[in-house]
Amino acid sequence: EVLALIAQGLSNGEIAERLVVAEQTVKSHVGRILVKLG
């Protein structure tokens, strides 16, 4: 879900607001996405 929002051009803050989570949580998701997908 976070990957799809990244591709739509949303910033970490905007993703956090959309998903109702902390921005730091989004940053963690983004980091794991990049690592998992290389």
PDB file of all heavy atoms in Angstrom:
ATOM      1  N   GLU A   1       0.830  -1.200   0.000  1.00  0.00           N
ATOM      2  CA  GLU A   1       0.000   0.000   0.000  1.00  0.00           C
ATOM      3  C   GLU A   1       0.869   1.257   0.000  1.00  0.00           C
ATOM      4  O   GLU A   1       0.607   2.221  -0.742  1.00  0.00           O
ATOM      5  CB  GLU A   1      -0.906  -0.013   1.232  1.00  0.00           C
ATOM      6  CG  GLU A   1      -1.957   1.082   1.265  1.00  0.00           C
ATOM      7  CD  GLU A   1      -2.892   0.946   2.460  1.00  0.00           C
ATOM      8  OE1 GLU A   1      -2.614   0.120   3.356  1.00  0.00           O
ATOM      9  OE2 GLU A   1      -3.890   1.677   2.507  1.00  0.00           O
ATOM     10  N   VAL A   2       1.914   1.247   0.807  1.00  0.00           N
ATOM     11  CA  VAL A   2       2.829   2.396   0.869  1.00  0.00           C
ATOM     12  C   VAL A   2       3.538   2.578  -0.472  1.00  0.00           C
ATOM     13  O   VAL A   2       3.686   3.702  -0.962  1.00  0.00           O
ATOM     14  CB  VAL A   2       3.855   2.211   2.005  1.00  0.00           C
ATOM     15  CG1 VAL A   2       4.958   3.271   1.914  1.00  0.00           C
ATOM     16  CG2 VAL A   2       3.169   2.285   3.364  1.00  0.00           C
ATOM     17  N   LEU A   3       3.947   1.490  -1.094  1.00  0.00           N
ATOM     18  CA  LEU A   3       4.613   1.560  -2.395  1.00  0.00           C
ATOM     19  C   LEU A   3       3.713   2.217  -3.435  1.00  0.00           C
ATOM     20  O   LEU A   3       4.159   3.061  -4.224  1.00  0.00           O
ATOM     21  CB  LEU A   3       5.012   0.158  -2.858  1.00  0.00           C
ATOM     22  CG  LEU A   3       5.615   0.048  -4.266  1.00  0.00           C
ATOM     23  CD1 LEU A   3       6.854   0.922  -4.409  1.00  0.00           C
ATOM     24  CD2 LEU A   3       5.933  -1.414  -4.583  1.00  0.00           C
ATOM     25  N   ALA A   4       2.453   1.857  -3.437  1.00  0.00           N
ATOM     26  CA  ALA A   4       1.511   2.436  -4.382  1.00  0.00           C
ATOM     27  C   ALA A   4       1.372   3.945  -4.155  1.00  0.00           C
ATOM     28  O   ALA A   4       1.280   4.718  -5.110  1.00  0.00           O
ATOM     29  CB  ALA A   4       0.151   1.757  -4.257  1.00  0.00           C
ATOM     30  N   LEU A   5       1.388   4.364  -2.912  1.00  0.00           N
ATOM     31  CA  LEU A   5       1.261   5.789  -2.596  1.00  0.00           C
ATOM     32  C   LEU A   5       2.534   6.548  -2.969  1.00  0.00           C
ATOM     33  O   LEU A   5       2.470   7.698  -3.417  1.00  0.00           O
ATOM     34  CB  LEU A   5       0.939   5.967  -1.116  1.00  0.00           C
ATOM     35  CG  LEU A   5      -0.435   5.429  -0.678  1.00  0.00           C
ATOM     36  CD1 LEU A   5      -0.599   5.508   0.834  1.00  0.00           C
ATOM     37  CD2 LEU A   5      -1.562   6.183  -1.379  1.00  0.00           C
ATOM     38  N   ILE A   6       3.685   5.925  -2.795  1.00  0.00           N
ATOM     39  CA  ILE A   6       4.947   6.534  -3.245  1.00  0.00           C
ATOM     40  C   ILE A   6       4.875   6.806  -4.735  1.00  0.00           C
ATOM     41  O   ILE A   6       5.246   7.878  -5.220  1.00  0.00           O
ATOM     42  CB  ILE A   6       6.142   5.603  -2.939  1.00  0.00           C
ATOM     43  CG1 ILE A   6       6.404   5.518  -1.444  1.00  0.00           C
ATOM     44  CG2 ILE A   6       7.400   6.091  -3.680  1.00  0.00           C
ATOM     45  CD1 ILE A   6       7.465   4.492  -1.068  1.00  0.00           C
ATOM     46  N   ALA A   7       4.399   5.811  -5.480  1.00  0.00           N
ATOM     47  CA  ALA A   7       4.332   5.926  -6.941  1.00  0.00           C
ATOM     48  C   ALA A   7       3.342   6.988  -7.394  1.00  0.00           C
ATOM     49  O   ALA A   7       3.439   7.490  -8.514  1.00  0.00           O
ATOM     50  CB  ALA A   7       3.958   4.572  -7.546  1.00  0.00           C
ATOM     51  N   GLN A   8       2.410   7.342  -6.517  1.00  0.00           N
ATOM     52  CA  GLN A   8       1.457   8.400  -6.845  1.00  0.00           C
ATOM     53  C   GLN A   8       2.008   9.781  -6.470  1.00  0.00           C
ATOM     54  O   GLN A   8       1.323  10.788  -6.628  1.00  0.00           O
ATOM     55  CB  GLN A   8       0.140   8.138  -6.121  1.00  0.00           C
ATOM     56  CG  GLN A   8      -0.587   6.905  -6.639  1.00  0.00           C
ATOM     57  CD  GLN A   8      -1.802   6.555  -5.805  1.00  0.00           C
ATOM     58  OE1 GLN A   8      -2.642   7.411  -5.537  1.00  0.00           O
ATOM     59  NE2 GLN A   8      -1.910   5.303  -5.380  1.00  0.00           N
ATOM     60  N   GLY A   9       3.248   9.814  -5.975  1.00  0.00           N
ATOM     61  CA  GLY A   9       3.909  11.082  -5.700  1.00  0.00           C
ATOM     62  C   GLY A   9       3.704  11.638  -4.308  1.00  0.00           C
ATOM     63  O   GLY A   9       4.052  12.791  -4.039  1.00  0.00           O
ATOM     64  N   LEU A  10       3.156  10.856  -3.390  1.00  0.00           N
ATOM     65  CA  LEU A  10       2.922  11.353  -2.035  1.00  0.00           C
ATOM     66  C   LEU A  10       4.210  11.346  -1.220  1.00  0.00           C
ATOM     67  O   LEU A  10       5.035  10.437  -1.346  1.00  0.00           O
ATOM     68  CB  LEU A  10       1.868  10.502  -1.324  1.00  0.00           C
ATOM     69  CG  LEU A  10       0.392  10.895  -1.553  1.00  0.00           C
ATOM     70  CD1 LEU A  10      -0.002  10.662  -3.006  1.00  0.00           C
ATOM     71  CD2 LEU A  10      -0.518  10.093  -0.625  1.00  0.00           C
ATOM     72  N   SER A  11       4.388  12.357  -0.395  1.00  0.00           N
ATOM     73  CA  SER A  11       5.527  12.424   0.510  1.00  0.00           C
ATOM     74  C   SER A  11       5.259  11.525   1.717  1.00  0.00           C
ATOM     75  O   SER A  11       4.138  11.049   1.915  1.00  0.00           O
ATOM     76  CB  SER A  11       5.735  13.858   0.993  1.00  0.00           C
ATOM     77  OG  SER A  11       4.637  14.270   1.807  1.00  0.00           O
ATOM     78  N   ASN A  12       6.285  11.323   2.546  1.00  0.00           N
ATOM     79  CA  ASN A  12       6.092  10.507   3.744  1.00  0.00           C
ATOM     80  C   ASN A  12       5.013  11.094   4.642  1.00  0.00           C
ATOM     81  O   ASN A  12       4.184  10.380   5.206  1.00  0.00           O
ATOM     82  CB  ASN A  12       7.403  10.399   4.523  1.00  0.00           C
ATOM     83  CG  ASN A  12       8.385   9.451   3.863  1.00  0.00           C
ATOM     84  OD1 ASN A  12       8.034   8.741   2.925  1.00  0.00           O
ATOM     85  ND2 ASN A  12       9.611   9.444   4.346  1.00  0.00           N
ATOM     86  N   GLY A  13       5.009  12.424   4.774  1.00  0.00           N
ATOM     87  CA  GLY A  13       3.998  13.065   5.604  1.00  0.00           C
ATOM     88  C   GLY A  13       2.591  12.855   5.071  1.00  0.00           C
ATOM     89  O   GLY A  13       1.651  12.600   5.830  1.00  0.00           O
ATOM     90  N   GLU A  14       2.444  12.959   3.754  1.00  0.00           N
ATOM     91  CA  GLU A  14       1.130  12.761   3.132  1.00  0.00           C
ATOM     92  C   GLU A  14       0.680  11.308   3.248  1.00  0.00           C
ATOM     93  O   GLU A  14      -0.508  11.031   3.464  1.00  0.00           O
ATOM     94  CB  GLU A  14       1.191  13.191   1.665  1.00  0.00           C
ATOM     95  CG  GLU A  14       1.345  14.693   1.491  1.00  0.00           C
ATOM     96  CD  GLU A  14       1.691  15.088   0.070  1.00  0.00           C
ATOM     97  OE1 GLU A  14       2.272  14.252  -0.670  1.00  0.00           O
ATOM     98  OE2 GLU A  14       1.392  16.234  -0.321  1.00  0.00           O
ATOM     99  N   ILE A  15       1.632  10.382   3.123  1.00  0.00           N
ATOM    100  CA  ILE A  15       1.290   8.964   3.277  1.00  0.00           C
ATOM    101  C   ILE A  15       0.856   8.691   4.710  1.00  0.00           C
ATOM    102  O   ILE A  15      -0.119   7.972   4.965  1.00  0.00           O
ATOM    103  CB  ILE A  15       2.489   8.073   2.899  1.00  0.00           C
ATOM    104  CG1 ILE A  15       2.790   8.199   1.403  1.00  0.00           C
ATOM    105  CG2 ILE A  15       2.202   6.602   3.249  1.00  0.00           C
ATOM    106  CD1 ILE A  15       4.046   7.487   0.966  1.00  0.00           C
ATOM    107  N   ALA A  16       1.585   9.273   5.662  1.00  0.00           N
ATOM    108  CA  ALA A  16       1.235   9.092   7.079  1.00  0.00           C
ATOM    109  C   ALA A  16      -0.172   9.603   7.359  1.00  0.00           C
ATOM    110  O   ALA A  16      -0.951   8.958   8.079  1.00  0.00           O
ATOM    111  CB  ALA A  16       2.249   9.831   7.959  1.00  0.00           C
ATOM    112  N   GLU A  17      -0.499  10.749   6.779  1.00  0.00           N
ATOM    113  CA  GLU A  17      -1.837  11.311   6.971  1.00  0.00           C
ATOM    114  C   GLU A  17      -2.899  10.426   6.336  1.00  0.00           C
ATOM    115  O   GLU A  17      -3.963  10.191   6.916  1.00  0.00           O
ATOM    116  CB  GLU A  17      -1.891  12.710   6.353  1.00  0.00           C
ATOM    117  CG  GLU A  17      -3.198  13.437   6.594  1.00  0.00           C
ATOM    118  CD  GLU A  17      -3.168  14.857   6.054  1.00  0.00           C
ATOM    119  OE1 GLU A  17      -2.077  15.347   5.735  1.00  0.00           O
ATOM    120  OE2 GLU A  17      -4.259  15.461   5.955  1.00  0.00           O
ATOM    121  N   ARG A  18      -2.609   9.899   5.151  1.00  0.00           N
ATOM    122  CA  ARG A  18      -3.568   9.036   4.444  1.00  0.00           C
ATOM    123  C   ARG A  18      -3.826   7.740   5.221  1.00  0.00           C
ATOM    124  O   ARG A  18      -4.966   7.271   5.303  1.00  0.00           O
ATOM    125  CB  ARG A  18      -3.005   8.714   3.060  1.00  0.00           C
ATOM    126  CG  ARG A  18      -3.864   7.758   2.220  1.00  0.00           C
ATOM    127  CD  ARG A  18      -5.051   8.458   1.605  1.00  0.00           C
ATOM    128  NE  ARG A  18      -4.649   9.500   0.680  1.00  0.00           N
ATOM    129  CZ  ARG A  18      -4.403   9.286  -0.623  1.00  0.00           C
ATOM    130  NH1 ARG A  18      -4.523   8.076  -1.131  1.00  0.00           N
ATOM    131  NH2 ARG A  18      -4.067  10.303  -1.409  1.00  0.00           N
ATOM    132  N   LEU A  19      -2.752   7.184   5.797  1.00  0.00           N
ATOM    133  CA  LEU A  19      -2.877   5.892   6.481  1.00  0.00           C
ATOM    134  C   LEU A  19      -3.129   6.027   7.982  1.00  0.00           C
ATOM    135  O   LEU A  19      -3.298   5.018   8.669  1.00  0.00           O
ATOM    136  CB  LEU A  19      -1.607   5.065   6.253  1.00  0.00           C
ATOM    137  CG  LEU A  19      -1.259   4.745   4.791  1.00  0.00           C
ATOM    138  CD1 LEU A  19       0.025   3.921   4.721  1.00  0.00           C
ATOM    139  CD2 LEU A  19      -2.408   4.002   4.112  1.00  0.00           C
ATOM    140  N   VAL A  20      -3.121   7.278   8.455  1.00  0.00           N
ATOM    141  CA  VAL A  20      -3.326   7.576   9.884  1.00  0.00           C
ATOM    142  C   VAL A  20      -2.299   6.839  10.736  1.00  0.00           C
ATOM    143  O   VAL A  20      -2.624   6.072  11.655  1.00  0.00           O
ATOM    144  CB  VAL A  20      -4.764   7.206  10.331  1.00  0.00           C
ATOM    145  CG1 VAL A  20      -5.077   7.861  11.684  1.00  0.00           C
ATOM    146  CG2 VAL A  20      -5.802   7.626   9.296  1.00  0.00           C
ATOM    147  N   VAL A  21      -1.032   7.060  10.403  1.00  0.00           N
ATOM    148  CA  VAL A  21       0.077   6.501  11.183  1.00  0.00           C
ATOM    149  C   VAL A  21       1.126   7.591  11.348  1.00  0.00           C
ATOM    150  O   VAL A  21       1.044   8.655  10.743  1.00  0.00           O
ATOM    151  CB  VAL A  21       0.708   5.280  10.468  1.00  0.00           C
ATOM    152  CG1 VAL A  21      -0.304   4.146  10.332  1.00  0.00           C
ATOM    153  CG2 VAL A  21       1.262   5.671   9.098  1.00  0.00           C
ATOM    154  N   ALA A  22       2.127   7.331  12.176  1.00  0.00           N
ATOM    155  CA  ALA A  22       3.197   8.293  12.392  1.00  0.00           C
ATOM    156  C   ALA A  22       4.104   8.348  11.157  1.00  0.00           C
ATOM    157  O   ALA A  22       4.291   7.344  10.463  1.00  0.00           O
ATOM    158  CB  ALA A  22       4.024   7.900  13.613  1.00  0.00           C
ATOM    159  N   GLU A  23       4.683   9.516  10.894  1.00  0.00           N
ATOM    160  CA  GLU A  23       5.564   9.662   9.734  1.00  0.00           C
ATOM    161  C   GLU A  23       6.785   8.748   9.861  1.00  0.00           C
ATOM    162  O   GLU A  23       7.285   8.217   8.868  1.00  0.00           O
ATOM    163  CB  GLU A  23       6.007  11.112   9.587  1.00  0.00           C
ATOM    164  CG  GLU A  23       6.807  11.367   8.319  1.00  0.00           C
ATOM    165  CD  GLU A  23       7.024  12.843   8.052  1.00  0.00           C
ATOM    166  OE1 GLU A  23       6.360  13.679   8.707  1.00  0.00           O
ATOM    167  OE2 GLU A  23       7.869  13.159   7.190  1.00  0.00           O
ATOM    168  N   GLN A  24       7.277   8.554  11.082  1.00  0.00           N
ATOM    169  CA  GLN A  24       8.423   7.671  11.288  1.00  0.00           C
ATOM    170  C   GLN A  24       8.080   6.232  10.881  1.00  0.00           C
ATOM    171  O   GLN A  24       8.935   5.498  10.369  1.00  0.00           O
ATOM    172  CB  GLN A  24       8.866   7.699  12.756  1.00  0.00           C
ATOM    173  CG  GLN A  24      10.127   6.893  13.025  1.00  0.00           C
ATOM    174  CD  GLN A  24      11.308   7.353  12.189  1.00  0.00           C
ATOM    175  OE1 GLN A  24      11.567   8.546  12.074  1.00  0.00           O
ATOM    176  NE2 GLN A  24      12.017   6.406  11.583  1.00  0.00           N
ATOM    177  N   THR A  25       6.825   5.849  11.103  1.00  0.00           N
ATOM    178  CA  THR A  25       6.383   4.510  10.691  1.00  0.00           C
ATOM    179  C   THR A  25       6.454   4.382   9.176  1.00  0.00           C
ATOM    180  O   THR A  25       6.886   3.351   8.635  1.00  0.00           O
ATOM    181  CB  THR A  25       4.945   4.254  11.164  1.00  0.00           C
ATOM    182  OG1 THR A  25       4.898   4.333  12.587  1.00  0.00           O
ATOM    183  CG2 THR A  25       4.454   2.877  10.725  1.00  0.00           C
ATOM    184  N   VAL A  26       6.043   5.433   8.477  1.00  0.00           N
ATOM    185  CA  VAL A  26       6.109   5.425   7.014  1.00  0.00           C
ATOM    186  C   VAL A  26       7.558   5.318   6.555  1.00  0.00           C
ATOM    187  O   VAL A  26       7.882   4.556   5.637  1.00  0.00           O
ATOM    188  CB  VAL A  26       5.458   6.686   6.415  1.00  0.00           C
ATOM    189  CG1 VAL A  26       5.648   6.714   4.900  1.00  0.00           C
ATOM    190  CG2 VAL A  26       3.979   6.732   6.766  1.00  0.00           C
ATOM    191  N   LYS A  27       8.455   6.074   7.183  1.00  0.00           N
ATOM    192  CA  LYS A  27       9.872   6.015   6.827  1.00  0.00           C
ATOM    193  C   LYS A  27      10.402   4.599   6.976  1.00  0.00           C
ATOM    194  O   LYS A  27      11.189   4.122   6.136  1.00  0.00           O
ATOM    195  CB  LYS A  27      10.677   6.970   7.704  1.00  0.00           C
ATOM    196  CG  LYS A  27      10.432   8.442   7.410  1.00  0.00           C
ATOM    197  CD  LYS A  27      11.291   9.321   8.303  1.00  0.00           C
ATOM    198  CE  LYS A  27      11.058  10.798   8.019  1.00  0.00           C
ATOM    199  NZ  LYS A  27      11.867  11.672   8.917  1.00  0.00           N
ATOM    200  N   SER A  28       9.974   3.916   8.035  1.00  0.00           N
ATOM    201  CA  SER A  28      10.409   2.534   8.249  1.00  0.00           C
ATOM    202  C   SER A  28       9.886   1.629   7.141  1.00  0.00           C
ATOM    203  O   SER A  28      10.612   0.764   6.623  1.00  0.00           O
ATOM    204  CB  SER A  28       9.925   2.031   9.612  1.00  0.00           C
ATOM    205  OG  SER A  28      10.496   2.791  10.660  1.00  0.00           O
ATOM    206  N   HIS A  29       8.626   1.818   6.757  1.00  0.00           N
ATOM    207  CA  HIS A  29       8.050   1.035   5.665  1.00  0.00           C
ATOM    208  C   HIS A  29       8.823   1.266   4.370  1.00  0.00           C
ATOM    209  O   HIS A  29       9.139   0.315   3.643  1.00  0.00           O
ATOM    210  CB  HIS A  29       6.579   1.407   5.455  1.00  0.00           C
ATOM    211  CG  HIS A  29       5.642   0.856   6.479  1.00  0.00           C
ATOM    212  ND1 HIS A  29       5.685  -0.454   6.916  1.00  0.00           N
ATOM    213  CD2 HIS A  29       4.604   1.434   7.154  1.00  0.00           C
ATOM    214  CE1 HIS A  29       4.741  -0.652   7.810  1.00  0.00           C
ATOM    215  NE2 HIS A  29       4.066   0.479   7.974  1.00  0.00           N
ATOM    216  N   VAL A  30       9.118   2.530   4.078  1.00  0.00           N
ATOM    217  CA  VAL A  30       9.828   2.864   2.844  1.00  0.00           C
ATOM    218  C   VAL A  30      11.195   2.190   2.827  1.00  0.00           C
ATOM    219  O   VAL A  30      11.615   1.612   1.813  1.00  0.00           O
ATOM    220  CB  VAL A  30       9.987   4.392   2.687  1.00  0.00           C
ATOM    221  CG1 VAL A  30      10.898   4.718   1.497  1.00  0.00           C
ATOM    222  CG2 VAL A  30       8.625   5.055   2.508  1.00  0.00           C
ATOM    223  N   GLY A  31      11.894   2.247   3.949  1.00  0.00           N
ATOM    224  CA  GLY A  31      13.205   1.610   4.030  1.00  0.00           C
ATOM    225  C   GLY A  31      13.141   0.126   3.778  1.00  0.00           C
ATOM    226  O   GLY A  31      13.972  -0.437   3.041  1.00  0.00           O
ATOM    227  N   ARG A  32      12.139  -0.545   4.352  1.00  0.00           N
ATOM    228  CA  ARG A  32      11.999  -1.996   4.155  1.00  0.00           C
ATOM    229  C   ARG A  32      11.625  -2.323   2.718  1.00  0.00           C
ATOM    230  O   ARG A  32      12.079  -3.329   2.155  1.00  0.00           O
ATOM    231  CB  ARG A  32      10.962  -2.557   5.128  1.00  0.00           C
ATOM    232  CG  ARG A  32      11.468  -2.644   6.560  1.00  0.00           C
ATOM    233  CD  ARG A  32      10.582  -3.536   7.412  1.00  0.00           C
ATOM    234  NE  ARG A  32       9.258  -2.962   7.588  1.00  0.00           N
ATOM    235  CZ  ARG A  32       8.924  -2.148   8.585  1.00  0.00           C
ATOM    236  NH1 ARG A  32       9.843  -1.793   9.481  1.00  0.00           N
ATOM    237  NH2 ARG A  32       7.703  -1.685   8.704  1.00  0.00           N
ATOM    238  N   ILE A  33      10.791  -1.482   2.110  1.00  0.00           N
ATOM    239  CA  ILE A  33      10.397  -1.690   0.714  1.00  0.00           C
ATOM    240  C   ILE A  33      11.632  -1.658  -0.185  1.00  0.00           C
ATOM    241  O   ILE A  33      11.828  -2.540  -1.049  1.00  0.00           O
ATOM    242  CB  ILE A  33       9.385  -0.614   0.266  1.00  0.00           C
ATOM    243  CG1 ILE A  33       8.036  -0.846   0.944  1.00  0.00           C
ATOM    244  CG2 ILE A  33       9.214  -0.622  -1.262  1.00  0.00           C
ATOM    245  CD1 ILE A  33       7.071   0.326   0.804  1.00  0.00           C
ATOM    246  N   LEU A  34      12.470  -0.657  -0.003  1.00  0.00           N
ATOM    247  CA  LEU A  34      13.662  -0.516  -0.843  1.00  0.00           C
ATOM    248  C   LEU A  34      14.601  -1.696  -0.663  1.00  0.00           C
ATOM    249  O   LEU A  34      15.154  -2.223  -1.633  1.00  0.00           O
ATOM    250  CB  LEU A  34      14.382   0.796  -0.519  1.00  0.00           C
ATOM    251  CG  LEU A  34      13.606   2.084  -0.786  1.00  0.00           C
ATOM    252  CD1 LEU A  34      14.449   3.304  -0.434  1.00  0.00           C
ATOM    253  CD2 LEU A  34      13.148   2.165  -2.238  1.00  0.00           C
ATOM    254  N   VAL A  35      14.765  -2.137   0.579  1.00  0.00           N
ATOM    255  CA  VAL A  35      15.660  -3.266   0.852  1.00  0.00           C
ATOM    256  C   VAL A  35      15.110  -4.553   0.246  1.00  0.00           C
ATOM    257  O   VAL A  35      15.817  -5.299  -0.435  1.00  0.00           O
ATOM    258  CB  VAL A  35      15.871  -3.443   2.373  1.00  0.00           C
ATOM    259  CG1 VAL A  35      16.583  -4.756   2.664  1.00  0.00           C
ATOM    260  CG2 VAL A  35      16.679  -2.286   2.931  1.00  0.00           C
ATOM    261  N   LYS A  36      13.833  -4.831   0.474  1.00  0.00           N
ATOM    262  CA  LYS A  36      13.229  -6.073  -0.019  1.00  0.00           C
ATOM    263  C   LYS A  36      13.242  -6.173  -1.543  1.00  0.00           C
ATOM    264  O   LYS A  36      13.417  -7.259  -2.103  1.00  0.00           O
ATOM    265  CB  LYS A  36      11.789  -6.200   0.500  1.00  0.00           C
ATOM    266  CG  LYS A  36      11.678  -6.539   1.972  1.00  0.00           C
ATOM    267  CD  LYS A  36      10.215  -6.718   2.372  1.00  0.00           C
ATOM    268  CE  LYS A  36      10.074  -7.109   3.839  1.00  0.00           C
ATOM    269  NZ  LYS A  36       8.651  -7.328   4.222  1.00  0.00           N
ATOM    270  N   LEU A  37      13.049  -5.035  -2.204  1.00  0.00           N
ATOM    271  CA  LEU A  37      12.962  -5.045  -3.662  1.00  0.00           C
ATOM    272  C   LEU A  37      14.296  -4.742  -4.326  1.00  0.00           C
ATOM    273  O   LEU A  37      14.407  -4.762  -5.555  1.00  0.00           O
ATOM    274  CB  LEU A  37      11.910  -4.036  -4.140  1.00  0.00           C
ATOM    275  CG  LEU A  37      10.474  -4.307  -3.681  1.00  0.00           C
ATOM    276  CD1 LEU A  37       9.543  -3.218  -4.185  1.00  0.00           C
ATOM    277  CD2 LEU A  37      10.001  -5.679  -4.165  1.00  0.00           C
ATOM    278  N   GLY A  38      15.330  -4.473  -3.516  1.00  0.00           N
ATOM    279  CA  GLY A  38      16.638  -4.176  -4.069  1.00  0.00           C
ATOM    280  C   GLY A  38      16.672  -2.875  -4.848  1.00  0.00           C
ATOM    281  O   GLY A  38      17.367  -2.754  -5.861  1.00  0.00           O
TER     282      GLY A  38
END
